[in-house]
C-alpha cells in the first residue's frame, strides 16, 4: 500500500483519519464514520497524499480520539488496536458464561456494525467454539454425539436466519449435525422460492403459460 498522511497505520491496512480532521466524529466511542483503508481503496482514493503538516494533525487527532481505552484502561497505538481491545472485551462479556440459544432466535447484535471484517472473522471463531462447548458437542435436534465426527460435520446454525435479520449472538446459535442443518437449509430455500412471486412477472407469466400448455389434455398420449 502506498503511504498516505491520512492512514491510521501508514503503509499498512487500517483506517482513514481524514474525517477526524473534518470534525465528522464529535465524541469518543467506537468509530461510526471512519472508513477502512486497504490496498484497493488506496490505489483509487482521491485524497491520498503526503504532507508532514497534515500527518502531524492526523496524529494529534488520533491521539485525542484514542484517549484512555474504556475496555482495558490503557492507551493504544492505533484505532485497529483499540477496536481489537473493545471486541475482546465484548466477547468476554457475552461468552462468560455463554448464554443458551432461544427457540425464536434474536437479532441482538454481537458486535458494532462498523467492526472490521478481520475482527468479525476472529470473533466468529471464538463464538463458534463457545457454542459447541455450551451444547456439549451434541446436535440440539437429534441429540447425536458429535465428538466422534470431524469438524466439517458440525454446524453452528442461526436459529433466525441472517437474511431475516438474525445475528451472530450465541442466543441465536445452536449446534447441529450436518443432516439436521441440511433440513433447515432446504426448508429456507423452499420458502424463498415460494416467496418469489414469479407469476407477476412477464417471464413468470410466459413460463406459467408453457406449463399450462404442457398439462393440456391434447399433450396426453
Protein backbone atom coordinates (compact mmCIF):
# COMPACT_ATOMS: atom_id res chain seq x y z
CA UNK A 1 0.00 0.00 0.00
CA UNK A 2 1.30 3.46 -0.86
CA UNK A 3 1.81 5.66 2.17
CA UNK A 4 -0.74 8.41 2.85
CA UNK A 5 -0.81 11.05 5.57
CA UNK A 6 -4.44 10.13 6.36
CA UNK A 7 -3.69 6.49 7.15
CA UNK A 8 -4.03 5.29 10.70
CA UNK A 9 -1.05 3.00 10.09
CA UNK A 10 0.90 4.35 7.08
CA UNK A 11 1.78 1.63 4.60
CA UNK A 12 -0.48 -0.97 6.24
CA UNK A 13 -4.20 -1.76 6.19
CA UNK A 14 -6.07 0.36 8.73
CA UNK A 15 -8.42 3.33 8.91
CA UNK A 16 -8.56 6.66 7.11
CA UNK A 17 -8.27 9.58 9.55
CA UNK A 18 -9.45 12.27 7.15
CA UNK A 19 -12.89 12.53 8.73
CA UNK A 20 -11.34 13.06 12.15
CA UNK A 21 -9.81 16.24 10.80
CA UNK A 22 -13.11 17.25 9.16
CA UNK A 23 -14.85 17.07 12.52
CA UNK A 24 -17.27 14.34 11.44
CA UNK A 25 -16.68 12.47 14.68
CA UNK A 26 -17.87 14.69 17.54
CA UNK A 27 -17.36 12.38 20.52
CA UNK A 28 -15.32 9.38 21.59
CA UNK A 29 -16.50 5.82 21.21
CA UNK A 30 -16.16 3.20 18.52
CA UNK A 31 -15.74 4.92 15.14
CA UNK A 32 -19.03 5.20 13.30
CA UNK A 33 -17.86 7.24 10.32
CA UNK A 34 -14.25 6.13 9.84
CA UNK A 35 -13.60 4.11 6.71
CA UNK A 36 -11.18 1.25 6.36
CA UNK A 37 -8.21 1.80 4.06
CA UNK A 38 -6.67 -1.08 2.14
CA UNK A 39 -4.58 -1.64 -0.98
CA UNK A 40 -7.53 -1.50 -3.37
CA UNK A 41 -9.01 1.69 -1.93
CA UNK A 42 -5.65 3.39 -1.61
CA UNK A 43 -4.99 3.00 -5.33
CA UNK A 44 -8.08 4.98 -6.31
CA UNK A 45 -8.51 7.34 -3.34
CA UNK A 46 -8.60 10.99 -4.50
CA UNK A 47 -7.45 12.21 -1.07
CA UNK A 48 -4.21 10.24 -0.94
CA UNK A 49 -1.07 12.28 -0.46
CA UNK A 50 1.78 13.02 1.92
CA UNK A 51 2.26 16.29 3.75
CA UNK A 52 4.22 16.33 7.06
CA UNK A 53 1.97 19.04 8.48
CA UNK A 54 -1.21 17.09 7.64
CA UNK A 55 0.34 13.95 9.12
CA UNK A 56 1.08 15.79 12.35
CA UNK A 57 -2.53 16.98 12.56
CA UNK A 58 -3.77 13.44 11.90
CA UNK A 59 -1.54 12.04 14.64
CA UNK A 60 -2.80 14.64 17.12
CA UNK A 61 -6.44 13.98 16.19
CA UNK A 62 -5.93 10.23 16.55
CA UNK A 63 -4.31 10.68 19.95
CA UNK A 64 -7.29 12.76 21.14
CA UNK A 65 -9.72 10.18 19.77
CA UNK A 66 -7.96 7.18 21.29
CA UNK A 67 -7.56 8.65 24.76
CA UNK A 68 -7.79 6.05 27.53
CA UNK A 69 -9.33 2.75 26.44
CA UNK A 70 -12.63 2.15 28.22
CA UNK A 71 -12.09 -1.62 27.99
CA UNK A 72 -8.59 -2.03 29.45
CA UNK A 73 -7.77 1.40 30.91
CA UNK A 74 -4.63 1.73 28.80
CA UNK A 75 -3.71 3.56 25.63
CA UNK A 76 -3.39 2.05 22.16
CA UNK A 77 -1.12 3.00 19.29
CA UNK A 78 -3.78 2.89 16.57
CA UNK A 79 -7.52 2.56 16.06
CA UNK A 80 -7.37 -1.09 14.99
CA UNK A 81 -5.72 -1.95 18.30
CA UNK A 82 -8.48 -0.05 20.11
CA UNK A 83 -11.18 -1.92 18.20
CA UNK A 84 -9.47 -5.24 18.89
CA UNK A 85 -9.46 -4.49 22.61
CA UNK A 86 -13.14 -3.45 22.54
CA UNK A 87 -14.05 -6.58 20.56
CA UNK A 88 -12.25 -8.88 23.01
CA UNK A 89 -13.94 -7.15 25.95
CA UNK A 90 -17.35 -7.51 24.30
CA UNK A 91 -16.78 -11.22 23.62
CA UNK A 92 -15.65 -11.81 27.18
CA UNK A 93 -18.82 -10.14 28.43
CA UNK A 94 -21.11 -12.12 26.12
CA UNK A 95 -19.41 -15.50 26.47
CA UNK A 96 -18.86 -15.52 30.25
CA UNK A 97 -20.90 -17.59 30.57
CA UNK A 98 -22.18 -18.41 27.09
CA UNK A 99 -26.00 -17.87 27.09
CA UNK A 100 -28.40 -20.58 25.92
CA UNK A 101 -29.99 -20.37 22.49
CA UNK A 102 -33.54 -19.08 22.20
CA UNK A 103 -36.24 -21.00 20.26
CA UNK A 104 -37.13 -17.95 18.18
CA UNK A 105 -33.59 -16.65 17.87
CA UNK A 106 -32.67 -13.00 18.22
CA UNK A 107 -31.46 -10.00 16.25
CA UNK A 108 -29.36 -8.74 19.17
CA UNK A 109 -26.03 -7.72 17.61
CA UNK A 110 -22.85 -9.38 18.76
CA UNK A 111 -20.53 -6.57 17.67
CA UNK A 112 -20.80 -3.00 16.50
CA UNK A 113 -21.78 -2.88 12.84
CA UNK A 114 -18.63 -0.94 11.97
CA UNK A 115 -16.33 -3.64 13.34
CA UNK A 116 -13.76 -4.55 10.65
CA UNK A 117 -14.28 -7.86 8.86
CA UNK A 118 -10.99 -9.27 10.15
CA UNK A 119 -12.22 -8.82 13.73
CA UNK A 120 -15.63 -10.28 12.86
CA UNK A 121 -14.00 -13.42 11.48
CA UNK A 122 -11.84 -13.67 14.57
CA UNK A 123 -14.87 -13.20 16.82
CA UNK A 124 -16.87 -15.82 14.91
CA UNK A 125 -14.23 -18.49 15.55
CA UNK A 126 -14.39 -17.79 19.27
CA UNK A 127 -18.19 -17.73 19.35
CA UNK A 128 -18.42 -20.96 17.36
CA UNK A 129 -16.17 -22.80 19.78
CA UNK A 130 -18.10 -21.39 22.74
CA UNK A 131 -21.45 -22.52 21.28
CA UNK A 132 -20.16 -26.03 20.57
CA UNK A 133 -18.83 -26.27 24.10
CA UNK A 134 -22.08 -24.89 25.57
CA UNK A 135 -24.09 -27.52 23.70
CA UNK A 136 -21.63 -30.23 24.78
CA UNK A 137 -20.82 -31.11 21.19
CA UNK A 138 -24.30 -32.56 20.77
CA UNK A 139 -26.82 -31.94 17.99
CA UNK A 140 -29.66 -29.96 19.52
CA UNK A 141 -32.26 -31.57 17.24
CA UNK A 142 -31.41 -35.28 17.09
CA UNK A 143 -29.19 -35.46 20.21
CA UNK A 144 -26.38 -37.10 18.24
CA UNK A 145 -23.00 -37.14 19.98
CA UNK A 146 -20.72 -35.17 17.66
CA UNK A 147 -17.43 -35.79 19.43
CA UNK A 148 -16.78 -38.80 17.16
CA UNK A 149 -17.16 -36.79 13.95
CA UNK A 150 -14.75 -34.49 12.04
CA UNK A 151 -15.13 -30.74 12.41
CA UNK A 152 -16.76 -30.29 8.97
CA UNK A 153 -19.69 -32.44 10.16
CA UNK A 154 -20.53 -29.96 12.95
CA UNK A 155 -22.65 -26.93 12.10
CA UNK A 156 -23.40 -23.85 14.19
CA UNK A 157 -26.87 -22.92 12.98
CA UNK A 158 -28.50 -19.47 13.01
CA UNK A 159 -31.95 -20.02 14.59
CA UNK A 160 -33.18 -16.85 12.94
CA UNK A 161 -31.57 -16.78 9.53
CA UNK A 162 -29.25 -13.92 8.69
CA UNK A 163 -31.45 -12.99 5.74
CA UNK A 164 -34.27 -12.50 8.26
CA UNK A 165 -32.19 -10.25 10.50
CA UNK A 166 -30.66 -12.91 12.72
CA UNK A 167 -27.33 -12.11 14.38
CA UNK A 168 -24.19 -13.98 15.40
CA UNK A 169 -25.11 -13.69 19.08
CA UNK A 170 -24.98 -17.04 20.95
CA UNK A 171 -28.70 -16.70 21.73
CA UNK A 172 -29.28 -17.08 18.00
CA UNK A 173 -26.94 -20.04 17.54
CA UNK A 174 -27.24 -23.75 18.21
CA UNK A 175 -25.20 -26.84 17.38
CA UNK A 176 -26.49 -29.18 14.68
CA UNK A 177 -25.19 -32.18 12.79
CA UNK A 178 -24.77 -31.94 9.03
CA UNK A 179 -28.05 -33.74 8.27
CA UNK A 180 -30.21 -31.64 10.61
CA UNK A 181 -28.66 -28.44 9.37
CA UNK A 182 -29.31 -29.53 5.80
CA UNK A 183 -33.03 -29.84 6.53
CA UNK A 184 -33.14 -26.24 7.77
CA UNK A 185 -31.23 -25.08 4.71
CA UNK A 186 -33.56 -26.94 2.34
CA UNK A 187 -36.64 -25.56 4.12
CA UNK A 188 -35.32 -22.00 3.92
CA UNK A 189 -34.53 -22.40 0.23
CA UNK A 190 -38.06 -23.68 -0.41
CA UNK A 191 -39.60 -20.76 1.47
CA UNK A 192 -37.56 -18.28 -0.53
CA UNK A 193 -38.58 -19.93 -3.78
CA UNK A 194 -42.27 -19.81 -2.86
CA UNK A 195 -41.98 -16.22 -1.68
CA UNK A 196 -40.72 -15.17 -5.09
CA UNK A 197 -43.86 -14.06 -6.87
CA UNK A 198 -42.87 -15.16 -10.34
CA UNK A 199 -46.50 -15.09 -11.53
CA UNK A 200 -46.49 -11.27 -11.58
CA UNK A 201 -43.53 -11.06 -13.93
CA UNK A 202 -43.62 -11.33 -17.71
CA UNK A 203 -41.18 -14.19 -17.59
CA UNK A 204 -43.24 -15.94 -14.94
CA UNK A 205 -46.45 -15.48 -16.93
CA UNK A 206 -44.82 -16.93 -20.03
CA UNK A 207 -43.49 -19.87 -18.05
CA UNK A 208 -46.88 -20.46 -16.49
CA UNK A 209 -48.46 -20.47 -19.96
CA UNK A 210 -45.96 -23.01 -21.21
CA UNK A 211 -46.61 -25.24 -18.20
CA UNK A 212 -50.37 -24.96 -18.75
CA UNK A 213 -49.94 -25.97 -22.37
CA UNK A 214 -47.83 -28.90 -21.35
CA UNK A 215 -50.53 -30.08 -18.93
CA UNK A 216 -53.29 -29.76 -21.55
CA UNK A 217 -55.12 -32.97 -22.45
CA UNK A 218 -54.02 -32.77 -26.07
CA UNK A 219 -50.46 -33.49 -24.98
CA UNK A 220 -51.53 -36.68 -23.26
CA UNK A 221 -50.92 -39.90 -25.23
